[in-house]
Amino acid sequence: MASPAIRDFAYDENRNELTVTFSTGRTYVYLLVPPGIFAAFNAAASKGSYHNAHIRDRYPFRKVGTERATGTSASLRDALRRSAGK
């Protein structure tokens, strides 16, 4: 399942929703995705390429959220303090 672009994905058969979490931490839920499209996505050697060619810009979606990398907030806070001379 490893993909440089896609960290994780799940499909809700009852709702025809495909949830994709990208390596950036952004998560999108694609709506009205037919089971056959999910099956092909699941079987694709390159999930990122399949997503770009067959899912992105073809199905309505909603953005769920963004994960922050551990330590990002602290690092940013420290950099701001240094630039302010604190």
N, C-alpha and C. Protein backbone atom coordinates (compact mmCIF):
# COMPACT_ATOMS: atom_id res chain seq x y z
N MET A 1 0.82 -1.19 0.00
CA MET A 1 0.00 0.00 0.00
C MET A 1 0.86 1.25 0.00
N ALA A 2 2.15 1.10 0.24
CA ALA A 2 3.02 2.26 0.33
C ALA A 2 2.97 3.09 -0.95
N SER A 3 2.87 4.38 -0.78
CA SER A 3 2.86 5.30 -1.91
C SER A 3 3.53 6.58 -1.45
N PRO A 4 4.36 7.17 -2.28
CA PRO A 4 4.97 8.43 -1.88
C PRO A 4 3.95 9.54 -1.66
N ALA A 5 2.85 9.52 -2.39
CA ALA A 5 1.86 10.60 -2.31
C ALA A 5 0.72 10.30 -1.34
N ILE A 6 0.35 9.04 -1.21
CA ILE A 6 -0.83 8.67 -0.43
C ILE A 6 -0.42 7.81 0.75
N ARG A 7 -0.75 8.29 1.94
CA ARG A 7 -0.39 7.58 3.17
C ARG A 7 -1.40 6.49 3.50
N ASP A 8 -2.70 6.80 3.32
CA ASP A 8 -3.73 5.85 3.73
C ASP A 8 -5.01 6.14 2.96
N PHE A 9 -5.88 5.14 2.89
CA PHE A 9 -7.18 5.35 2.26
C PHE A 9 -8.16 4.32 2.80
N ALA A 10 -9.45 4.66 2.68
CA ALA A 10 -10.51 3.75 3.12
C ALA A 10 -11.74 4.03 2.27
N TYR A 11 -12.56 3.00 2.13
CA TYR A 11 -13.77 3.13 1.31
C TYR A 11 -14.98 2.70 2.11
N ASP A 12 -16.01 3.52 2.12
CA ASP A 12 -17.28 3.21 2.77
C ASP A 12 -18.25 2.76 1.69
N GLU A 13 -18.49 1.46 1.61
CA GLU A 13 -19.36 0.90 0.58
C GLU A 13 -20.79 1.42 0.67
N ASN A 14 -21.28 1.60 1.88
CA ASN A 14 -22.66 2.05 2.06
C ASN A 14 -22.88 3.48 1.58
N ARG A 15 -21.85 4.29 1.67
CA ARG A 15 -21.98 5.70 1.29
C ARG A 15 -21.26 6.04 -0.01
N ASN A 16 -20.53 5.07 -0.56
CA ASN A 16 -19.72 5.30 -1.77
C ASN A 16 -18.77 6.47 -1.58
N GLU A 17 -18.10 6.48 -0.41
CA GLU A 17 -17.16 7.54 -0.09
C GLU A 17 -15.74 6.97 0.04
N LEU A 18 -14.83 7.60 -0.65
CA LEU A 18 -13.42 7.22 -0.58
C LEU A 18 -12.68 8.29 0.22
N THR A 19 -12.08 7.89 1.31
CA THR A 19 -11.29 8.81 2.14
C THR A 19 -9.82 8.57 1.84
N VAL A 20 -9.13 9.64 1.49
CA VAL A 20 -7.71 9.54 1.12
C VAL A 20 -6.91 10.50 2.00
N THR A 21 -5.90 9.98 2.67
CA THR A 21 -4.97 10.81 3.43
C THR A 21 -3.65 10.83 2.68
N PHE A 22 -3.22 12.02 2.34
CA PHE A 22 -2.00 12.20 1.57
C PHE A 22 -0.80 12.28 2.52
N SER A 23 0.38 12.13 1.96
CA SER A 23 1.60 12.16 2.78
C SER A 23 1.78 13.52 3.45
N THR A 24 1.12 14.54 2.95
CA THR A 24 1.18 15.87 3.55
C THR A 24 0.36 15.96 4.83
N GLY A 25 -0.50 14.95 5.06
CA GLY A 25 -1.40 14.96 6.20
C GLY A 25 -2.79 15.43 5.85
N ARG A 26 -2.98 15.97 4.67
CA ARG A 26 -4.32 16.42 4.26
C ARG A 26 -5.19 15.21 3.95
N THR A 27 -6.44 15.29 4.40
CA THR A 27 -7.39 14.20 4.17
C THR A 27 -8.60 14.74 3.43
N TYR A 28 -8.99 14.01 2.39
CA TYR A 28 -10.15 14.37 1.58
C TYR A 28 -11.10 13.18 1.53
N VAL A 29 -12.39 13.48 1.52
CA VAL A 29 -13.41 12.45 1.32
C VAL A 29 -14.04 12.72 -0.04
N TYR A 30 -13.90 11.76 -0.94
CA TYR A 30 -14.48 11.86 -2.28
C TYR A 30 -15.84 11.18 -2.25
N LEU A 31 -16.85 11.86 -2.77
CA LEU A 31 -18.23 11.40 -2.71
C LEU A 31 -18.65 10.73 -4.01
N LEU A 32 -19.60 9.83 -3.91
CA LEU A 32 -20.22 9.18 -5.07
C LEU A 32 -19.22 8.37 -5.90
N VAL A 33 -18.22 7.81 -5.24
CA VAL A 33 -17.20 7.00 -5.94
C VAL A 33 -17.74 5.58 -6.10
N PRO A 34 -17.90 5.12 -7.33
CA PRO A 34 -18.43 3.77 -7.56
C PRO A 34 -17.48 2.69 -7.03
N PRO A 35 -18.03 1.56 -6.61
CA PRO A 35 -17.19 0.46 -6.11
C PRO A 35 -16.10 0.04 -7.09
N GLY A 36 -16.39 0.06 -8.38
CA GLY A 36 -15.41 -0.34 -9.39
C GLY A 36 -14.20 0.59 -9.43
N ILE A 37 -14.44 1.88 -9.24
CA ILE A 37 -13.34 2.84 -9.20
C ILE A 37 -12.47 2.58 -7.98
N PHE A 38 -13.12 2.33 -6.83
CA PHE A 38 -12.34 2.02 -5.63
C PHE A 38 -11.53 0.74 -5.83
N ALA A 39 -12.15 -0.29 -6.42
CA ALA A 39 -11.45 -1.56 -6.63
C ALA A 39 -10.21 -1.35 -7.50
N ALA A 40 -10.36 -0.55 -8.55
CA ALA A 40 -9.22 -0.28 -9.43
C ALA A 40 -8.15 0.56 -8.70
N PHE A 41 -8.58 1.51 -7.90
CA PHE A 41 -7.65 2.32 -7.11
C PHE A 41 -6.88 1.43 -6.13
N ASN A 42 -7.60 0.56 -5.46
CA ASN A 42 -7.00 -0.35 -4.49
C ASN A 42 -5.97 -1.28 -5.15
N ALA A 43 -6.24 -1.68 -6.39
CA ALA A 43 -5.36 -2.61 -7.10
C ALA A 43 -4.22 -1.90 -7.84
N ALA A 44 -4.32 -0.59 -7.99
CA ALA A 44 -3.33 0.15 -8.78
C ALA A 44 -1.94 0.06 -8.17
N ALA A 45 -0.96 -0.13 -9.03
CA ALA A 45 0.43 -0.16 -8.57
C ALA A 45 0.86 1.21 -8.05
N SER A 46 0.36 2.27 -8.68
CA SER A 46 0.66 3.63 -8.23
C SER A 46 -0.65 4.31 -7.84
N LYS A 47 -0.89 4.38 -6.54
CA LYS A 47 -2.12 5.00 -6.04
C LYS A 47 -2.19 6.47 -6.42
N GLY A 48 -1.06 7.16 -6.33
CA GLY A 48 -1.03 8.58 -6.67
C GLY A 48 -1.38 8.84 -8.13
N SER A 49 -0.82 8.04 -9.02
CA SER A 49 -1.12 8.20 -10.45
C SER A 49 -2.57 7.88 -10.75
N TYR A 50 -3.08 6.81 -10.13
CA TYR A 50 -4.48 6.45 -10.36
C TYR A 50 -5.39 7.55 -9.83
N HIS A 51 -5.09 8.05 -8.66
CA HIS A 51 -5.89 9.13 -8.07
C HIS A 51 -5.93 10.33 -9.01
N ASN A 52 -4.76 10.73 -9.51
CA ASN A 52 -4.71 11.90 -10.40
C ASN A 52 -5.48 11.68 -11.69
N ALA A 53 -5.43 10.48 -12.23
CA ALA A 53 -6.06 10.21 -13.52
C ALA A 53 -7.55 9.90 -13.44
N HIS A 54 -8.00 9.32 -12.32
CA HIS A 54 -9.37 8.80 -12.28
C HIS A 54 -10.25 9.32 -11.15
N ILE A 55 -9.67 10.01 -10.18
CA ILE A 55 -10.48 10.44 -9.03
C ILE A 55 -10.45 11.96 -8.87
N ARG A 56 -9.27 12.52 -8.77
CA ARG A 56 -9.16 13.98 -8.60
C ARG A 56 -9.86 14.71 -9.73
N ASP A 57 -10.60 15.73 -9.40
CA ASP A 57 -11.34 16.56 -10.37
C ASP A 57 -12.47 15.81 -11.07
N ARG A 58 -12.81 14.59 -10.61
CA ARG A 58 -13.90 13.84 -11.22
C ARG A 58 -15.06 13.58 -10.25
N TYR A 59 -14.77 13.68 -8.97
CA TYR A 59 -15.79 13.42 -7.95
C TYR A 59 -15.84 14.59 -6.97
N PRO A 60 -17.04 14.92 -6.50
CA PRO A 60 -17.10 15.96 -5.47
C PRO A 60 -16.36 15.49 -4.23
N PHE A 61 -15.84 16.44 -3.46
CA PHE A 61 -15.07 16.07 -2.28
C PHE A 61 -15.26 17.10 -1.18
N ARG A 62 -14.84 16.70 0.01
CA ARG A 62 -14.74 17.65 1.12
C ARG A 62 -13.41 17.40 1.82
N LYS A 63 -12.82 18.48 2.26
CA LYS A 63 -11.54 18.39 2.98
C LYS A 63 -11.87 18.14 4.44
N VAL A 64 -11.20 17.15 5.02
CA VAL A 64 -11.49 16.77 6.40
C VAL A 64 -10.57 17.49 7.37
N GLY A 65 -9.30 17.57 7.10
CA GLY A 65 -8.39 18.22 8.03
C GLY A 65 -6.95 18.03 7.63
N THR A 66 -6.10 18.55 8.46
CA THR A 66 -4.66 18.47 8.22
C THR A 66 -3.98 18.07 9.51
N GLU A 67 -3.11 17.09 9.42
CA GLU A 67 -2.31 16.71 10.58
C GLU A 67 -1.06 17.58 10.58
N ARG A 68 -0.59 17.88 11.75
CA ARG A 68 0.68 18.60 11.85
C ARG A 68 1.76 17.61 12.25
N ALA A 69 2.91 17.78 11.67
CA ALA A 69 4.03 16.91 12.02
C ALA A 69 4.42 17.19 13.46
N THR A 70 4.82 16.16 14.17
CA THR A 70 5.23 16.32 15.56
C THR A 70 6.36 17.33 15.65
N GLY A 71 6.20 18.29 16.52
CA GLY A 71 7.23 19.29 16.73
C GLY A 71 7.13 20.50 15.84
N THR A 72 6.25 20.51 14.87
CA THR A 72 6.16 21.64 13.95
C THR A 72 5.79 22.91 14.68
N SER A 73 4.79 22.85 15.55
CA SER A 73 4.36 24.04 16.27
C SER A 73 5.48 24.58 17.14
N ALA A 74 6.17 23.70 17.87
CA ALA A 74 7.25 24.12 18.74
C ALA A 74 8.38 24.74 17.92
N SER A 75 8.71 24.14 16.78
CA SER A 75 9.79 24.67 15.95
C SER A 75 9.43 26.04 15.41
N LEU A 76 8.22 26.22 14.97
CA LEU A 76 7.78 27.51 14.47
C LEU A 76 7.79 28.54 15.60
N ARG A 77 7.30 28.15 16.75
CA ARG A 77 7.28 29.04 17.92
C ARG A 77 8.71 29.47 18.28
N ASP A 78 9.64 28.51 18.28
CA ASP A 78 11.03 28.83 18.60
C ASP A 78 11.63 29.78 17.57
N ALA A 79 11.35 29.55 16.30
CA ALA A 79 11.88 30.43 15.25
C ALA A 79 11.33 31.84 15.39
N LEU A 80 10.05 31.97 15.73
CA LEU A 80 9.46 33.30 15.91
C LEU A 80 10.08 34.01 17.11
N ARG A 81 10.33 33.26 18.17
CA ARG A 81 10.96 33.86 19.35
C ARG A 81 12.37 34.36 19.01
N ARG A 82 13.13 33.54 18.27
CA ARG A 82 14.49 33.93 17.90
C ARG A 82 14.47 35.19 17.03
N SER A 83 13.53 35.25 16.08
CA SER A 83 13.49 36.41 15.20
C SER A 83 13.04 37.66 15.94
N ALA A 84 12.32 37.49 17.04
CA ALA A 84 11.88 38.63 17.84
C ALA A 84 12.90 38.99 18.91
N GLY A 85 13.97 38.21 19.00
CA GLY A 85 15.03 38.48 19.95
C GLY A 85 14.69 38.05 21.36
N LYS A 86 13.81 37.10 21.52
CA LYS A 86 13.42 36.63 22.86
C LYS A 86 14.10 35.34 23.22
